[in-house]
PDB file of N, CA and C in Angstrom:
ATOM      1  N   MET A   1      40.933   0.055 -14.999  1.00  0.00           N
ATOM      2  CA  MET A   1      39.528  -0.283 -14.569  1.00  0.00           C
ATOM      3  C   MET A   1      38.638   0.361 -13.559  1.00  0.00           C
ATOM      4  N   PRO A   2      37.728   1.216 -14.092  1.00  0.00           N
ATOM      5  CA  PRO A   2      37.003   2.302 -12.809  1.00  0.00           C
ATOM      6  C   PRO A   2      36.128   1.566 -11.727  1.00  0.00           C
ATOM      7  N   ASN A   3      36.497   2.142 -10.590  1.00  0.00           N
ATOM      8  CA  ASN A   3      35.796   1.657  -9.300  1.00  0.00           C
ATOM      9  C   ASN A   3      34.255   1.420  -9.536  1.00  0.00           C
ATOM     10  N   PRO A   4      33.822   0.196  -9.594  1.00  0.00           N
ATOM     11  CA  PRO A   4      32.268  -0.255  -9.297  1.00  0.00           C
ATOM     12  C   PRO A   4      31.328   1.062  -8.711  1.00  0.00           C
ATOM     13  N   GLU A   5      31.927   1.486  -7.610  1.00  0.00           N
ATOM     14  CA  GLU A   5      30.880   2.871  -6.840  1.00  0.00           C
ATOM     15  C   GLU A   5      31.119   4.004  -7.749  1.00  0.00           C
ATOM     16  N   THR A   6      32.095   3.998  -8.210  1.00  0.00           N
ATOM     17  CA  THR A   6      32.189   5.386  -9.294  1.00  0.00           C
ATOM     18  C   THR A   6      30.845   5.220 -10.457  1.00  0.00           C
ATOM     19  N   ILE A   7      31.161   3.700 -10.943  1.00  0.00           N
ATOM     20  CA  ILE A   7      30.002   3.341 -11.815  1.00  0.00           C
ATOM     21  C   ILE A   7      28.689   3.588 -11.730  1.00  0.00           C
ATOM     22  N   LYS A   8      28.380   2.874 -10.319  1.00  0.00           N
ATOM     23  CA  LYS A   8      27.215   3.020 -10.133  1.00  0.00           C
ATOM     24  C   LYS A   8      26.533   4.673  -9.598  1.00  0.00           C
ATOM     25  N   THR A   9      27.261   5.362  -9.428  1.00  0.00           N
ATOM     26  CA  THR A   9      26.890   6.982  -8.902  1.00  0.00           C
ATOM     27  C   THR A   9      26.862   7.398  -9.998  1.00  0.00           C
ATOM     28  N   PHE A  10      27.494   7.339 -11.324  1.00  0.00           N
ATOM     29  CA  PHE A  10      27.107   7.669 -12.357  1.00  0.00           C
ATOM     30  C   PHE A  10      26.159   7.470 -12.942  1.00  0.00           C
ATOM     31  N   LEU A  11      25.622   5.908 -13.108  1.00  0.00           N
ATOM     32  CA  LEU A  11      24.350   5.370 -13.456  1.00  0.00           C
ATOM     33  C   LEU A  11      23.032   6.079 -12.972  1.00  0.00           C
ATOM     34  N   LEU A  12      23.446   6.351 -11.257  1.00  0.00           N
ATOM     35  CA  LEU A  12      22.077   6.601 -10.839  1.00  0.00           C
ATOM     36  C   LEU A  12      22.168   8.353 -10.963  1.00  0.00           C
ATOM     37  N   THR A  13      22.779   8.917 -11.096  1.00  0.00           N
ATOM     38  CA  THR A  13      22.974  10.298 -11.445  1.00  0.00           C
ATOM     39  C   THR A  13      22.066  10.793 -12.508  1.00  0.00           C
ATOM     40  N   GLY A  14      22.902   9.843 -14.047  1.00  0.00           N
ATOM     41  CA  GLY A  14      22.114   9.672 -15.387  1.00  0.00           C
ATOM     42  C   GLY A  14      20.603   9.460 -15.142  1.00  0.00           C
ATOM     43  N   SER A  15      20.009   8.266 -14.549  1.00  0.00           N
ATOM     44  CA  SER A  15      18.829   8.041 -14.351  1.00  0.00           C
ATOM     45  C   SER A  15      18.386   8.967 -13.691  1.00  0.00           C
ATOM     46  N   THR A  16      18.726  10.101 -12.855  1.00  0.00           N
ATOM     47  CA  THR A  16      17.644  10.981 -12.067  1.00  0.00           C
ATOM     48  C   THR A  16      17.768  12.193 -13.236  1.00  0.00           C
ATOM     49  N   VAL A  17      18.562  12.202 -14.104  1.00  0.00           N
ATOM     50  CA  VAL A  17      18.486  13.224 -14.878  1.00  0.00           C
ATOM     51  C   VAL A  17      17.755  13.105 -15.961  1.00  0.00           C
ATOM     52  N   PHE A  18      17.829  11.687 -16.424  1.00  0.00           N
ATOM     53  CA  PHE A  18      17.081  11.379 -17.611  1.00  0.00           C
ATOM     54  C   PHE A  18      15.223  11.324 -16.964  1.00  0.00           C
ATOM     55  N   LEU A  19      15.071  11.008 -15.680  1.00  0.00           N
ATOM     56  CA  LEU A  19      13.778  11.004 -15.171  1.00  0.00           C
ATOM     57  C   LEU A  19      13.158  12.476 -15.030  1.00  0.00           C
ATOM     58  N   SER A  20      14.219  13.477 -14.986  1.00  0.00           N
ATOM     59  CA  SER A  20      13.624  14.777 -14.717  1.00  0.00           C
ATOM     60  C   SER A  20      13.066  15.344 -16.013  1.00  0.00           C
ATOM     61  N   VAL A  21      14.023  15.056 -17.025  1.00  0.00           N
ATOM     62  CA  VAL A  21      13.715  15.575 -18.179  1.00  0.00           C
ATOM     63  C   VAL A  21      12.312  14.587 -18.702  1.00  0.00           C
ATOM     64  N   THR A  22      12.363  13.546 -18.524  1.00  0.00           N
ATOM     65  CA  THR A  22      11.002  12.898 -18.947  1.00  0.00           C
ATOM     66  C   THR A  22       9.828  13.414 -18.157  1.00  0.00           C
ATOM     67  N   ILE A  23      10.004  13.839 -17.072  1.00  0.00           N
ATOM     68  CA  ILE A  23       9.238  14.545 -16.091  1.00  0.00           C
ATOM     69  C   ILE A  23       8.562  15.880 -16.875  1.00  0.00           C
ATOM     70  N   PHE A  24       9.450  16.162 -16.971  1.00  0.00           N
ATOM     71  CA  PHE A  24       9.335  17.855 -17.794  1.00  0.00           C
ATOM     72  C   PHE A  24       8.291  17.659 -18.817  1.00  0.00           C
ATOM     73  N   PHE A  25       8.528  16.493 -19.908  1.00  0.00           N
ATOM     74  CA  PHE A  25       7.838  16.573 -21.066  1.00  0.00           C
ATOM     75  C   PHE A  25       6.041  16.057 -20.661  1.00  0.00           C
ATOM     76  N   CYS A  26       6.346  15.027 -19.879  1.00  0.00           N
ATOM     77  CA  CYS A  26       4.953  14.674 -19.103  1.00  0.00           C
ATOM     78  C   CYS A  26       4.381  16.382 -18.592  1.00  0.00           C
ATOM     79  N   LEU A  27       4.864  16.911 -17.898  1.00  0.00           N
ATOM     80  CA  LEU A  27       4.188  18.032 -17.702  1.00  0.00           C
ATOM     81  C   LEU A  27       3.607  19.004 -18.565  1.00  0.00           C
ATOM     82  N   MET A  28       4.405  19.079 -19.784  1.00  0.00           N
ATOM     83  CA  MET A  28       4.084  19.969 -21.100  1.00  0.00           C
ATOM     84  C   MET A  28       3.010  19.007 -21.649  1.00  0.00           C
ATOM     85  N   ARG A  29       2.877  17.507 -21.736  1.00  0.00           N
ATOM     86  CA  ARG A  29       1.432  16.747 -22.236  1.00  0.00           C
ATOM     87  C   ARG A  29       0.681  17.101 -21.521  1.00  0.00           C
ATOM     88  N   ALA A  30       0.697  17.119 -20.043  1.00  0.00           N
ATOM     89  CA  ALA A  30      -0.510  17.376 -18.933  1.00  0.00           C
ATOM     90  C   ALA A  30      -1.016  19.200 -19.368  1.00  0.00           C
ATOM     91  N   ALA A  31      -0.140  19.838 -19.593  1.00  0.00           N
ATOM     92  CA  ALA A  31      -0.497  21.088 -19.725  1.00  0.00           C
ATOM     93  C   ALA A  31      -1.139  21.516 -21.404  1.00  0.00           C
ATOM     94  N   LEU A  32      -0.880  20.835 -21.792  1.00  0.00           N
ATOM     95  CA  LEU A  32      -1.028  20.976 -23.877  1.00  0.00           C
ATOM     96  C   LEU A  32      -1.996  20.047 -23.847  1.00  0.00           C
ATOM     97  N   GLY A  33      -2.112  18.789 -23.285  1.00  0.00           N
ATOM     98  CA  GLY A  33      -3.216  17.794 -24.011  1.00  0.00           C
ATOM     99  C   GLY A  33      -4.484  18.335 -24.244  1.00  0.00           C
ATOM    100  N   PRO A  34      -4.688  17.875 -25.556  1.00  0.00           N
ATOM    101  CA  PRO A  34      -6.529  18.057 -25.886  1.00  0.00           C
ATOM    102  C   PRO A  34      -7.585  17.668 -24.965  1.00  0.00           C
ATOM    103  N   ARG A  35      -7.318  16.485 -24.365  1.00  0.00           N
ATOM    104  CA  ARG A  35      -8.498  15.880 -23.990  1.00  0.00           C
ATOM    105  C   ARG A  35      -7.823  15.986 -22.534  1.00  0.00           C
ATOM    106  N   TYR A  36      -9.057  15.622 -21.607  1.00  0.00           N
ATOM    107  CA  TYR A  36      -9.054  15.377 -20.214  1.00  0.00           C
ATOM    108  C   TYR A  36      -8.285  14.046 -20.013  1.00  0.00           C
ATOM    109  N   SER A  37      -8.425  12.890 -20.516  1.00  0.00           N
ATOM    110  CA  SER A  37      -7.827  11.725 -20.635  1.00  0.00           C
ATOM    111  C   SER A  37      -6.361  11.934 -20.692  1.00  0.00           C
ATOM    112  N   ASP A  38      -5.842  12.882 -21.996  1.00  0.00           N
ATOM    113  CA  ASP A  38      -4.696  13.026 -21.570  1.00  0.00           C
ATOM    114  C   ASP A  38      -3.635  13.403 -20.236  1.00  0.00           C
ATOM    115  N   ARG A  39      -4.387  14.374 -19.983  1.00  0.00           N
ATOM    116  CA  ARG A  39      -4.062  15.168 -18.962  1.00  0.00           C
ATOM    117  C   ARG A  39      -3.996  13.984 -17.557  1.00  0.00           C
ATOM    118  N   ILE A  40      -4.949  12.976 -17.632  1.00  0.00           N
ATOM    119  CA  ILE A  40      -5.081  12.475 -16.319  1.00  0.00           C
ATOM    120  C   ILE A  40      -3.841  10.890 -16.489  1.00  0.00           C
ATOM    121  N   ILE A  41      -3.729  10.611 -17.807  1.00  0.00           N
ATOM    122  CA  ILE A  41      -2.756   9.708 -18.068  1.00  0.00           C
ATOM    123  C   ILE A  41      -1.339  10.373 -17.737  1.00  0.00           C
ATOM    124  N   ALA A  42      -1.038  11.620 -17.983  1.00  0.00           N
ATOM    125  CA  ALA A  42       0.259  12.540 -17.911  1.00  0.00           C
ATOM    126  C   ALA A  42       0.457  13.060 -16.390  1.00  0.00           C
ATOM    127  N   ALA A  43      -0.606  12.901 -15.531  1.00  0.00           N
ATOM    128  CA  ALA A  43      -0.624  12.924 -13.946  1.00  0.00           C
ATOM    129  C   ALA A  43      -0.385  11.699 -13.643  1.00  0.00           C
ATOM    130  N   ASN A  44      -0.424  10.724 -13.864  1.00  0.00           N
ATOM    131  CA  ASN A  44      -0.330   9.140 -13.376  1.00  0.00           C
ATOM    132  C   ASN A  44       1.199   8.990 -13.716  1.00  0.00           C
ATOM    133  N   ILE A  45       1.489   9.010 -15.036  1.00  0.00           N
ATOM    134  CA  ILE A  45       3.044   8.805 -15.137  1.00  0.00           C
ATOM    135  C   ILE A  45       3.979   9.755 -14.758  1.00  0.00           C
ATOM    136  N   ILE A  46       3.735  11.150 -14.214  1.00  0.00           N
ATOM    137  CA  ILE A  46       4.296  12.155 -13.517  1.00  0.00           C
ATOM    138  C   ILE A  46       4.588  11.447 -12.127  1.00  0.00           C
ATOM    139  N   GLY A  47       3.298  11.069 -11.508  1.00  0.00           N
ATOM    140  CA  GLY A  47       3.597  10.595 -10.315  1.00  0.00           C
ATOM    141  C   GLY A  47       4.223   9.400 -10.360  1.00  0.00           C
ATOM    142  N   THR A  48       4.200   8.446 -10.817  1.00  0.00           N
ATOM    143  CA  THR A  48       5.128   7.140 -10.909  1.00  0.00           C
ATOM    144  C   THR A  48       6.800   7.632 -11.331  1.00  0.00           C
ATOM    145  N   LYS A  49       6.984   8.383 -12.107  1.00  0.00           N
ATOM    146  CA  LYS A  49       8.264   8.935 -12.450  1.00  0.00           C
ATOM    147  C   LYS A  49       9.111   9.545 -10.924  1.00  0.00           C
ATOM    148  N   ILE A  50       8.048  10.378 -10.373  1.00  0.00           N
ATOM    149  CA  ILE A  50       8.612  11.248  -9.051  1.00  0.00           C
ATOM    150  C   ILE A  50       8.807  10.043  -7.885  1.00  0.00           C
ATOM    151  N   ILE A  51       7.907   8.852  -8.302  1.00  0.00           N
ATOM    152  CA  ILE A  51       7.869   7.758  -7.185  1.00  0.00           C
ATOM    153  C   ILE A  51       9.723   7.107  -7.663  1.00  0.00           C
ATOM    154  N   LEU A  52       9.753   6.900  -8.949  1.00  0.00           N
ATOM    155  CA  LEU A  52      10.860   6.383  -9.202  1.00  0.00           C
ATOM    156  C   LEU A  52      12.403   7.447  -9.242  1.00  0.00           C
ATOM    157  N   LEU A  53      11.949   8.445  -9.123  1.00  0.00           N
ATOM    158  CA  LEU A  53      13.212   9.547  -8.566  1.00  0.00           C
ATOM    159  C   LEU A  53      13.291   9.801  -7.309  1.00  0.00           C
ATOM    160  N   ILE A  54      12.620   9.529  -6.671  1.00  0.00           N
ATOM    161  CA  ILE A  54      12.833   9.169  -4.415  1.00  0.00           C
ATOM    162  C   ILE A  54      13.582   8.283  -4.684  1.00  0.00           C
ATOM    163  N   ALA A  55      13.436   6.983  -5.110  1.00  0.00           N
ATOM    164  CA  ALA A  55      13.986   5.633  -4.970  1.00  0.00           C
ATOM    165  C   ALA A  55      15.143   5.931  -5.505  1.00  0.00           C
ATOM    166  N   VAL A  56      15.610   6.234  -6.400  1.00  0.00           N
ATOM    167  CA  VAL A  56      16.921   6.330  -6.864  1.00  0.00           C
ATOM    168  C   VAL A  56      17.936   7.439  -6.021  1.00  0.00           C
ATOM    169  N   LEU A  57      16.910   8.501  -5.823  1.00  0.00           N
ATOM    170  CA  LEU A  57      17.543   9.336  -4.619  1.00  0.00           C
ATOM    171  C   LEU A  57      17.922   8.735  -3.347  1.00  0.00           C
ATOM    172  N   SER A  58      17.143   7.909  -3.076  1.00  0.00           N
ATOM    173  CA  SER A  58      17.339   7.264  -1.691  1.00  0.00           C
ATOM    174  C   SER A  58      18.469   6.338  -2.017  1.00  0.00           C
ATOM    175  N   MET A  59      18.963   5.942  -3.350  1.00  0.00           N
ATOM    176  CA  MET A  59      19.895   4.883  -3.602  1.00  0.00           C
ATOM    177  C   MET A  59      21.161   5.384  -3.381  1.00  0.00           C
ATOM    178  N   ILE A  60      21.279   6.878  -3.951  1.00  0.00           N
ATOM    179  CA  ILE A  60      22.237   7.690  -3.950  1.00  0.00           C
ATOM    180  C   ILE A  60      22.488   8.278  -2.542  1.00  0.00           C
ATOM    181  N   ILE A  61      21.637   8.859  -1.999  1.00  0.00           N
ATOM    182  CA  ILE A  61      22.151   8.818  -0.505  1.00  0.00           C
ATOM    183  C   ILE A  61      22.425   8.208   0.584  1.00  0.00           C
ATOM    184  N   GLY A  62      21.686   7.012   0.208  1.00  0.00           N
ATOM    185  CA  GLY A  62      21.747   5.830   1.105  1.00  0.00           C
ATOM    186  C   GLY A  62      20.930   5.901   2.389  1.00  0.00           C
ATOM    187  N   GLU A  63      19.446   6.475   2.354  1.00  0.00           N
ATOM    188  CA  GLU A  63      18.678   6.576   3.375  1.00  0.00           C
ATOM    189  C   GLU A  63      17.641   5.576   2.799  1.00  0.00           C
ATOM    190  N   ASP A  64      17.353   4.838   3.922  1.00  0.00           N
ATOM    191  CA  ASP A  64      16.160   3.869   3.630  1.00  0.00           C
ATOM    192  C   ASP A  64      14.982   4.477   4.213  1.00  0.00           C
ATOM    193  N   TYR A  65      14.377   5.512   4.967  1.00  0.00           N
ATOM    194  CA  TYR A  65      13.437   6.127   5.287  1.00  0.00           C
ATOM    195  C   TYR A  65      12.574   6.808   3.913  1.00  0.00           C
ATOM    196  N   LEU A  66      13.331   7.185   2.979  1.00  0.00           N
ATOM    197  CA  LEU A  66      12.874   7.372   1.600  1.00  0.00           C
ATOM    198  C   LEU A  66      11.972   6.691   0.960  1.00  0.00           C
ATOM    199  N   ALA A  67      11.990   5.187   0.957  1.00  0.00           N
ATOM    200  CA  ALA A  67      11.651   4.083   0.858  1.00  0.00           C
ATOM    201  C   ALA A  67       9.967   4.364   1.198  1.00  0.00           C
ATOM    202  N   ASP A  68      10.023   4.534   2.408  1.00  0.00           N
ATOM    203  CA  ASP A  68       8.584   4.780   3.196  1.00  0.00           C
ATOM    204  C   ASP A  68       7.970   5.733   2.282  1.00  0.00           C
ATOM    205  N   ILE A  69       8.612   7.119   2.201  1.00  0.00           N
ATOM    206  CA  ILE A  69       8.259   8.180   1.369  1.00  0.00           C
ATOM    207  C   ILE A  69       7.661   8.133  -0.023  1.00  0.00           C
ATOM    208  N   CYS A  70       8.060   6.733  -0.618  1.00  0.00           N
ATOM    209  CA  CYS A  70       7.893   6.094  -1.960  1.00  0.00           C
ATOM    210  C   CYS A  70       6.688   5.340  -1.872  1.00  0.00           C
ATOM    211  N   LEU A  71       6.106   5.029  -0.818  1.00  0.00           N
ATOM    212  CA  LEU A  71       4.825   3.983  -0.642  1.00  0.00           C
ATOM    213  C   LEU A  71       4.112   5.065  -0.336  1.00  0.00           C
ATOM    214  N   ILE A  72       4.022   5.924   0.586  1.00  0.00           N
ATOM    215  CA  ILE A  72       3.083   7.141   0.936  1.00  0.00           C
ATOM    216  C   ILE A  72       2.785   7.839  -0.516  1.00  0.00           C
ATOM    217  N   TYR A  73       3.717   7.999  -1.235  1.00  0.00           N
ATOM    218  CA  TYR A  73       3.244   9.363  -2.533  1.00  0.00           C
ATOM    219  C   TYR A  73       2.547   8.223  -3.607  1.00  0.00           C
ATOM    220  N   ALA A  74       2.809   6.718  -3.632  1.00  0.00           N
ATOM    221  CA  ALA A  74       2.058   6.105  -4.091  1.00  0.00           C
ATOM    222  C   ALA A  74       0.809   5.979  -4.126  1.00  0.00           C
ATOM    223  N   VAL A  75       0.585   5.546  -2.593  1.00  0.00           N
ATOM    224  CA  VAL A  75      -0.837   5.883  -2.269  1.00  0.00           C
ATOM    225  C   VAL A  75      -1.701   7.060  -2.831  1.00  0.00           C
ATOM    226  N   ILE A  76      -0.691   8.328  -2.470  1.00  0.00           N
ATOM    227  CA  ILE A  76      -1.567   9.542  -2.770  1.00  0.00           C
ATOM    228  C   ILE A  76      -1.556   9.752  -4.408  1.00  0.00           C
ATOM    229  N   SER A  77      -0.915   9.555  -5.158  1.00  0.00           N
ATOM    230  CA  SER A  77      -0.817   9.671  -6.393  1.00  0.00           C
ATOM    231  C   SER A  77      -1.737   8.529  -6.758  1.00  0.00           C
ATOM    232  N   PHE A  78      -2.061   7.567  -6.377  1.00  0.00           N
ATOM    233  CA  PHE A  78      -3.454   6.576  -6.958  1.00  0.00           C
ATOM    234  C   PHE A  78      -4.319   7.220  -6.481  1.00  0.00           C
ATOM    235  N   LEU A  79      -4.859   8.028  -5.520  1.00  0.00           N
ATOM    236  CA  LEU A  79      -5.704   8.331  -4.963  1.00  0.00           C
ATOM    237  C   LEU A  79      -6.300   9.868  -5.949  1.00  0.00           C
ATOM    238  N   SER A  80      -5.109  10.416  -6.045  1.00  0.00           N
ATOM    239  CA  SER A  80      -5.365  11.758  -6.951  1.00  0.00           C
ATOM    240  C   SER A  80      -5.768  11.362  -8.604  1.00  0.00           C
ATOM    241  N   VAL A  81      -5.525  10.510  -8.884  1.00  0.00           N
ATOM    242  CA  VAL A  81      -5.653  10.000 -10.511  1.00  0.00           C
ATOM    243  C   VAL A  81      -7.119   9.508 -10.490  1.00  0.00           C
ATOM    244  N   VAL A  82      -7.389   8.699  -9.024  1.00  0.00           N
ATOM    245  CA  VAL A  82      -8.898   7.967  -9.204  1.00  0.00           C
ATOM    246  C   VAL A  82      -9.834   9.166  -8.838  1.00  0.00           C
ATOM    247  N   VAL A  83      -9.687  10.138  -8.239  1.00  0.00           N
ATOM    248  CA  VAL A  83     -10.168  11.287  -7.719  1.00  0.00           C
ATOM    249  C   VAL A  83     -10.100  12.224  -9.138  1.00  0.00           C
ATOM    250  N   LEU A  84      -9.332  12.510 -10.099  1.00  0.00           N
ATOM    251  CA  LEU A  84      -9.368  13.168 -11.242  1.00  0.00           C
ATOM    252  C   LEU A  84     -10.347  12.242 -12.062  1.00  0.00           C
ATOM    253  N   ALA A  85      -9.959  11.010 -12.135  1.00  0.00           N
ATOM    254  CA  ALA A  85     -10.883  10.479 -13.157  1.00  0.00           C
ATOM    255  C   ALA A  85     -12.122  10.461 -12.808  1.00  0.00           C
ATOM    256  N   ARG A  86     -12.982  10.257 -11.698  1.00  0.00           N
ATOM    257  CA  ARG A  86     -13.932  10.444 -11.373  1.00  0.00           C
ATOM    258  C   ARG A  86     -14.722  11.534 -11.429  1.00  0.00           C
ATOM    259  N   SER A  87     -13.740  12.675 -11.045  1.00  0.00           N
ATOM    260  CA  SER A  87     -14.516  14.147 -11.964  1.00  0.00           C
ATOM    261  C   SER A  87     -14.789  14.183 -13.178  1.00  0.00           C
ATOM    262  N   VAL A  88     -14.081  13.796 -14.053  1.00  0.00           N
ATOM    263  CA  VAL A  88     -14.032  13.794 -15.388  1.00  0.00           C
ATOM    264  C   VAL A  88     -15.390  12.820 -15.834  1.00  0.00           C
ATOM    265  N   ILE A  89     -15.918  11.850 -15.090  1.00  0.00           N
ATOM    266  CA  ILE A  89     -16.802  10.918 -15.588  1.00  0.00           C
ATOM    267  C   ILE A  89     -17.913  11.739 -14.830  1.00  0.00           C
ATOM    268  N   GLU A  90     -18.195  12.252 -13.663  1.00  0.00           N
ATOM    269  CA  GLU A  90     -19.270  12.829 -13.487  1.00  0.00           C
ATOM    270  C   GLU A  90     -19.672  14.116 -14.302  1.00  0.00           C
ATOM    271  N   LYS A  91     -18.360  14.825 -14.759  1.00  0.00           N
ATOM    272  CA  LYS A  91     -18.508  15.944 -15.581  1.00  0.00           C
ATOM    273  C   LYS A  91     -19.218  15.689 -16.981  1.00  0.00           C
ATOM    274  N   LYS A  92     -18.903  14.162 -17.573  1.00  0.00           N
ATOM    275  CA  LYS A  92     -19.438  13.851 -18.626  1.00  0.00           C
ATOM    276  C   LYS A  92     -20.837  13.587 -18.320  1.00  0.00           C
ATOM    277  N   GLU A  93     -21.227  12.545 -17.646  1.00  0.00           N
ATOM    278  CA  GLU A  93     -22.637  12.466 -17.139  1.00  0.00           C
ATOM    279  C   GLU A  93     -23.486  13.427 -17.162  1.00  0.00           C
ATOM    280  N   GLY A  94     -23.093  14.472 -16.574  1.00  0.00           N
ATOM    281  CA  GLY A  94     -23.979  15.740 -16.292  1.00  0.00           C
ATOM    282  C   GLY A  94     -23.967  16.369 -17.513  1.00  0.00           C
ATOM    283  N   ALA A  95     -23.310  16.740 -18.759  1.00  0.00           N
ATOM    284  CA  ALA A  95     -23.149  17.306 -19.801  1.00  0.00           C
ATOM    285  C   ALA A  95     -24.209  16.315 -21.124  1.00  0.00           C
ATOM    286  N   GLU A  96     -24.102  15.113 -20.554  1.00  0.00           N
ATOM    287  CA  GLU A  96     -25.528  14.235 -21.504  1.00  0.00           C
ATOM    288  C   GLU A  96     -26.836  14.458 -20.936  1.00  0.00           C
ATOM    289  N   GLU A  97     -26.908  14.540 -19.648  1.00  0.00           N
ATOM    290  CA  GLU A  97     -27.861  14.781 -18.956  1.00  0.00           C
ATOM    291  C   GLU A  97     -28.992  16.351 -19.465  1.00  0.00           C
TER     292      GLU A  97
END
């Protein structure tokens, strides 16, 4: 029977690889998205996945301070998406006038 610590490390490493691959696909969607809304949603998903990646790395490394970094990154990610959405709304309102 395998060691539970080995299984935990294997699953967490697999999670980091999976998150990294999906972040790459979201980057492609952000670059190739036909609409601004696709790009904003992709940026939001990338931010969420990076928060998850930092949290998983925190569990692998065993450092608790990375959880604080996750919270700070979540606030910054949220504010960046709000600013992007606001700029798209203002651009759309300017085009209508």
